[in-house]
């Protein structure tokens, strides 16, 4: 499938701490734009949020975004963060994006995608957006 070979390299699995300086990321000259995303769920009530930042190859901040999601899983919150970020970047005309996340499960889900009935709508939509860049 052409999608797999062309676009899955844009998703990076990484172990990150809760604080990381954007300019310390390796291989910054490889891509022009970096999308760092994260999702979280508050244990007390299950309310979820997601957000992200976009920066250039030198670590210069371009934009940030966030969203309250209501009640969902951490996995879904992570996916919403990527979906929202990709939507914003495509709307602004960006064509080369490297996605960075601290969720290995989410990155694996996108890397190992098979577009069948069991794939969540969020993952299918992310794949559609990735095919546009």
C-alpha atoms as a PDB file:
ATOM      1  CA  UNK A   1       0.000   0.000   0.000  1.00  0.00           C
ATOM      2  CA  UNK A   2       1.568   3.363  -1.019  1.00  0.00           C
ATOM      3  CA  UNK A   3       0.340   5.094   2.148  1.00  0.00           C
ATOM      4  CA  UNK A   4       2.455   2.868   4.377  1.00  0.00           C
ATOM      5  CA  UNK A   5       5.659   3.412   2.482  1.00  0.00           C
ATOM      6  CA  UNK A   6       5.259   7.141   2.006  1.00  0.00           C
ATOM      7  CA  UNK A   7       3.763   8.551   5.175  1.00  0.00           C
ATOM      8  CA  UNK A   8       4.381   6.337   8.156  1.00  0.00           C
ATOM      9  CA  UNK A   9       7.893   7.654   8.518  1.00  0.00           C
ATOM     10  CA  UNK A  10       6.265  10.877   9.718  1.00  0.00           C
ATOM     11  CA  UNK A  11       5.285   9.245  13.024  1.00  0.00           C
ATOM     12  CA  UNK A  12       8.126   8.892  15.497  1.00  0.00           C
ATOM     13  CA  UNK A  13       8.088   6.634  18.536  1.00  0.00           C
ATOM     14  CA  UNK A  14       9.963   8.278  21.352  1.00  0.00           C
ATOM     15  CA  UNK A  15      10.368   8.081  25.085  1.00  0.00           C
ATOM     16  CA  UNK A  16      10.181  11.616  26.405  1.00  0.00           C
ATOM     17  CA  UNK A  17      10.088  13.206  29.795  1.00  0.00           C
ATOM     18  CA  UNK A  18       7.366  15.648  30.776  1.00  0.00           C
ATOM     19  CA  UNK A  19       9.698  18.519  29.823  1.00  0.00           C
ATOM     20  CA  UNK A  20      11.853  18.619  26.756  1.00  0.00           C
ATOM     21  CA  UNK A  21      13.377  21.644  25.059  1.00  0.00           C
ATOM     22  CA  UNK A  22      12.334  21.653  21.391  1.00  0.00           C
ATOM     23  CA  UNK A  23      15.810  22.680  20.222  1.00  0.00           C
ATOM     24  CA  UNK A  24      17.334  19.548  21.772  1.00  0.00           C
ATOM     25  CA  UNK A  25      15.515  17.193  19.395  1.00  0.00           C
ATOM     26  CA  UNK A  26      17.781  15.096  17.168  1.00  0.00           C
ATOM     27  CA  UNK A  27      17.725  15.292  13.368  1.00  0.00           C
ATOM     28  CA  UNK A  28      16.109  18.717  13.345  1.00  0.00           C
ATOM     29  CA  UNK A  29      17.329  19.538   9.842  1.00  0.00           C
ATOM     30  CA  UNK A  30      15.516  16.563   8.296  1.00  0.00           C
ATOM     31  CA  UNK A  31      12.024  18.078   8.387  1.00  0.00           C
ATOM     32  CA  UNK A  32      10.853  21.648   8.319  1.00  0.00           C
ATOM     33  CA  UNK A  33       7.989  21.371  10.825  1.00  0.00           C
ATOM     34  CA  UNK A  34       7.599  19.282  13.992  1.00  0.00           C
ATOM     35  CA  UNK A  35       4.304  18.499  15.700  1.00  0.00           C
ATOM     36  CA  UNK A  36       4.630  17.517  19.375  1.00  0.00           C
ATOM     37  CA  UNK A  37       1.366  16.254  20.872  1.00  0.00           C
ATOM     38  CA  UNK A  38       0.067  14.911  24.156  1.00  0.00           C
ATOM     39  CA  UNK A  39      -3.231  13.861  25.660  1.00  0.00           C
ATOM     40  CA  UNK A  40      -4.216  13.378  29.276  1.00  0.00           C
ATOM     41  CA  UNK A  41      -7.125  12.192  31.399  1.00  0.00           C
ATOM     42  CA  UNK A  42      -7.812  13.391  34.943  1.00  0.00           C
ATOM     43  CA  UNK A  43      -8.287  10.349  37.181  1.00  0.00           C
ATOM     44  CA  UNK A  44     -10.864  11.922  39.511  1.00  0.00           C
ATOM     45  CA  UNK A  45     -13.551  12.483  36.878  1.00  0.00           C
ATOM     46  CA  UNK A  46     -12.215  11.058  33.612  1.00  0.00           C
ATOM     47  CA  UNK A  47     -12.145  14.424  31.844  1.00  0.00           C
ATOM     48  CA  UNK A  48      -9.674  14.466  28.984  1.00  0.00           C
ATOM     49  CA  UNK A  49      -7.695  17.175  27.213  1.00  0.00           C
ATOM     50  CA  UNK A  50      -5.268  17.206  24.353  1.00  0.00           C
ATOM     51  CA  UNK A  51      -2.934  19.669  22.772  1.00  0.00           C
ATOM     52  CA  UNK A  52       0.263  20.231  20.968  1.00  0.00           C
ATOM     53  CA  UNK A  53       2.901  22.610  19.770  1.00  0.00           C
ATOM     54  CA  UNK A  54       4.402  23.129  16.349  1.00  0.00           C
ATOM     55  CA  UNK A  55       7.980  24.293  15.925  1.00  0.00           C
ATOM     56  CA  UNK A  56      10.453  24.589  13.083  1.00  0.00           C
ATOM     57  CA  UNK A  57      13.784  22.835  12.529  1.00  0.00           C
ATOM     58  CA  UNK A  58      15.585  25.311  14.799  1.00  0.00           C
ATOM     59  CA  UNK A  59      13.136  24.837  17.683  1.00  0.00           C
ATOM     60  CA  UNK A  60      11.340  28.143  17.027  1.00  0.00           C
ATOM     61  CA  UNK A  61       7.719  28.005  18.240  1.00  0.00           C
ATOM     62  CA  UNK A  62       5.137  28.408  15.451  1.00  0.00           C
ATOM     63  CA  UNK A  63       1.819  27.676  17.162  1.00  0.00           C
ATOM     64  CA  UNK A  64       0.134  25.804  19.959  1.00  0.00           C
ATOM     65  CA  UNK A  65      -3.344  24.376  20.422  1.00  0.00           C
ATOM     66  CA  UNK A  66      -5.430  22.544  23.006  1.00  0.00           C
ATOM     67  CA  UNK A  67      -8.894  21.122  23.399  1.00  0.00           C
ATOM     68  CA  UNK A  68     -11.158  19.826  26.159  1.00  0.00           C
ATOM     69  CA  UNK A  69     -12.492  16.427  25.066  1.00  0.00           C
ATOM     70  CA  UNK A  70     -14.908  15.467  27.813  1.00  0.00           C
ATOM     71  CA  UNK A  71     -14.722  11.810  28.778  1.00  0.00           C
ATOM     72  CA  UNK A  72     -12.475   9.476  26.775  1.00  0.00           C
ATOM     73  CA  UNK A  73      -9.459   7.217  27.154  1.00  0.00           C
ATOM     74  CA  UNK A  74      -5.852   8.415  27.198  1.00  0.00           C
ATOM     75  CA  UNK A  75      -5.334   6.588  23.887  1.00  0.00           C
ATOM     76  CA  UNK A  76      -8.202   8.534  22.297  1.00  0.00           C
ATOM     77  CA  UNK A  77      -6.905  11.805  23.760  1.00  0.00           C
ATOM     78  CA  UNK A  78      -3.504  11.114  22.181  1.00  0.00           C
ATOM     79  CA  UNK A  79      -5.152  10.431  18.815  1.00  0.00           C
ATOM     80  CA  UNK A  80      -7.233  13.630  19.027  1.00  0.00           C
ATOM     81  CA  UNK A  81      -4.038  15.600  19.622  1.00  0.00           C
ATOM     82  CA  UNK A  82      -2.521  14.295  16.403  1.00  0.00           C
ATOM     83  CA  UNK A  83      -5.745  14.723  14.443  1.00  0.00           C
ATOM     84  CA  UNK A  84      -6.184  18.334  15.584  1.00  0.00           C
ATOM     85  CA  UNK A  85      -2.543  19.186  14.896  1.00  0.00           C
ATOM     86  CA  UNK A  86      -2.577  17.673  11.416  1.00  0.00           C
ATOM     87  CA  UNK A  87      -5.828  19.467  10.580  1.00  0.00           C
ATOM     88  CA  UNK A  88      -4.366  22.824  11.591  1.00  0.00           C
ATOM     89  CA  UNK A  89      -1.146  22.249   9.651  1.00  0.00           C
ATOM     90  CA  UNK A  90      -2.925  21.114   6.489  1.00  0.00           C
ATOM     91  CA  UNK A  91      -5.255  24.132   6.686  1.00  0.00           C
ATOM     92  CA  UNK A  92      -2.152  26.347   6.859  1.00  0.00           C
ATOM     93  CA  UNK A  93      -0.552  24.664   3.854  1.00  0.00           C
ATOM     94  CA  UNK A  94       2.272  22.702   5.498  1.00  0.00           C
ATOM     95  CA  UNK A  95       3.353  19.654   3.509  1.00  0.00           C
ATOM     96  CA  UNK A  96       6.198  18.044   5.501  1.00  0.00           C
ATOM     97  CA  UNK A  97       5.534  17.287   9.137  1.00  0.00           C
ATOM     98  CA  UNK A  98       7.202  14.999  11.631  1.00  0.00           C
ATOM     99  CA  UNK A  99       4.897  13.933  14.451  1.00  0.00           C
ATOM    100  CA  UNK A 100       6.404  13.345  17.883  1.00  0.00           C
ATOM    101  CA  UNK A 101       4.534  11.752  20.748  1.00  0.00           C
ATOM    102  CA  UNK A 102       5.308  10.062  24.040  1.00  0.00           C
ATOM    103  CA  UNK A 103       2.672   7.375  23.424  1.00  0.00           C
ATOM    104  CA  UNK A 104       4.287   4.243  22.021  1.00  0.00           C
ATOM    105  CA  UNK A 105       0.879   2.536  21.855  1.00  0.00           C
ATOM    106  CA  UNK A 106      -0.540   5.318  19.689  1.00  0.00           C
ATOM    107  CA  UNK A 107       2.501   5.455  17.405  1.00  0.00           C
ATOM    108  CA  UNK A 108       2.368   1.663  17.008  1.00  0.00           C
ATOM    109  CA  UNK A 109      -1.345   1.809  16.174  1.00  0.00           C
ATOM    110  CA  UNK A 110      -0.640   4.234  13.330  1.00  0.00           C
ATOM    111  CA  UNK A 111       2.451   2.346  12.124  1.00  0.00           C
ATOM    112  CA  UNK A 112       0.630  -0.987  12.079  1.00  0.00           C
ATOM    113  CA  UNK A 113      -2.557   0.349  10.530  1.00  0.00           C
ATOM    114  CA  UNK A 114      -4.750  -1.883   8.449  1.00  0.00           C
ATOM    115  CA  UNK A 115      -7.749   0.046   7.239  1.00  0.00           C
ATOM    116  CA  UNK A 116     -10.435  -2.458   8.158  1.00  0.00           C
ATOM    117  CA  UNK A 117     -13.665  -2.271  10.134  1.00  0.00           C
ATOM    118  CA  UNK A 118     -11.890  -2.696  13.464  1.00  0.00           C
ATOM    119  CA  UNK A 119      -9.742   0.402  12.969  1.00  0.00           C
ATOM    120  CA  UNK A 120     -11.096   3.340  14.939  1.00  0.00           C
ATOM    121  CA  UNK A 121     -12.539   6.310  13.084  1.00  0.00           C
ATOM    122  CA  UNK A 122      -9.859   8.544  14.639  1.00  0.00           C
ATOM    123  CA  UNK A 123      -7.030   6.431  13.215  1.00  0.00           C
ATOM    124  CA  UNK A 124      -8.722   6.269   9.809  1.00  0.00           C
ATOM    125  CA  UNK A 125      -9.078  10.072   9.787  1.00  0.00           C
ATOM    126  CA  UNK A 126      -5.418  10.544  10.794  1.00  0.00           C
ATOM    127  CA  UNK A 127      -4.417   8.270   7.900  1.00  0.00           C
ATOM    128  CA  UNK A 128      -6.556  10.327   5.522  1.00  0.00           C
ATOM    129  CA  UNK A 129      -4.848  13.519   6.675  1.00  0.00           C
ATOM    130  CA  UNK A 130      -1.391  11.958   6.410  1.00  0.00           C
ATOM    131  CA  UNK A 131      -2.160  11.030   2.808  1.00  0.00           C
ATOM    132  CA  UNK A 132      -2.651  14.761   2.086  1.00  0.00           C
ATOM    133  CA  UNK A 133       0.855  15.742   3.154  1.00  0.00           C
END
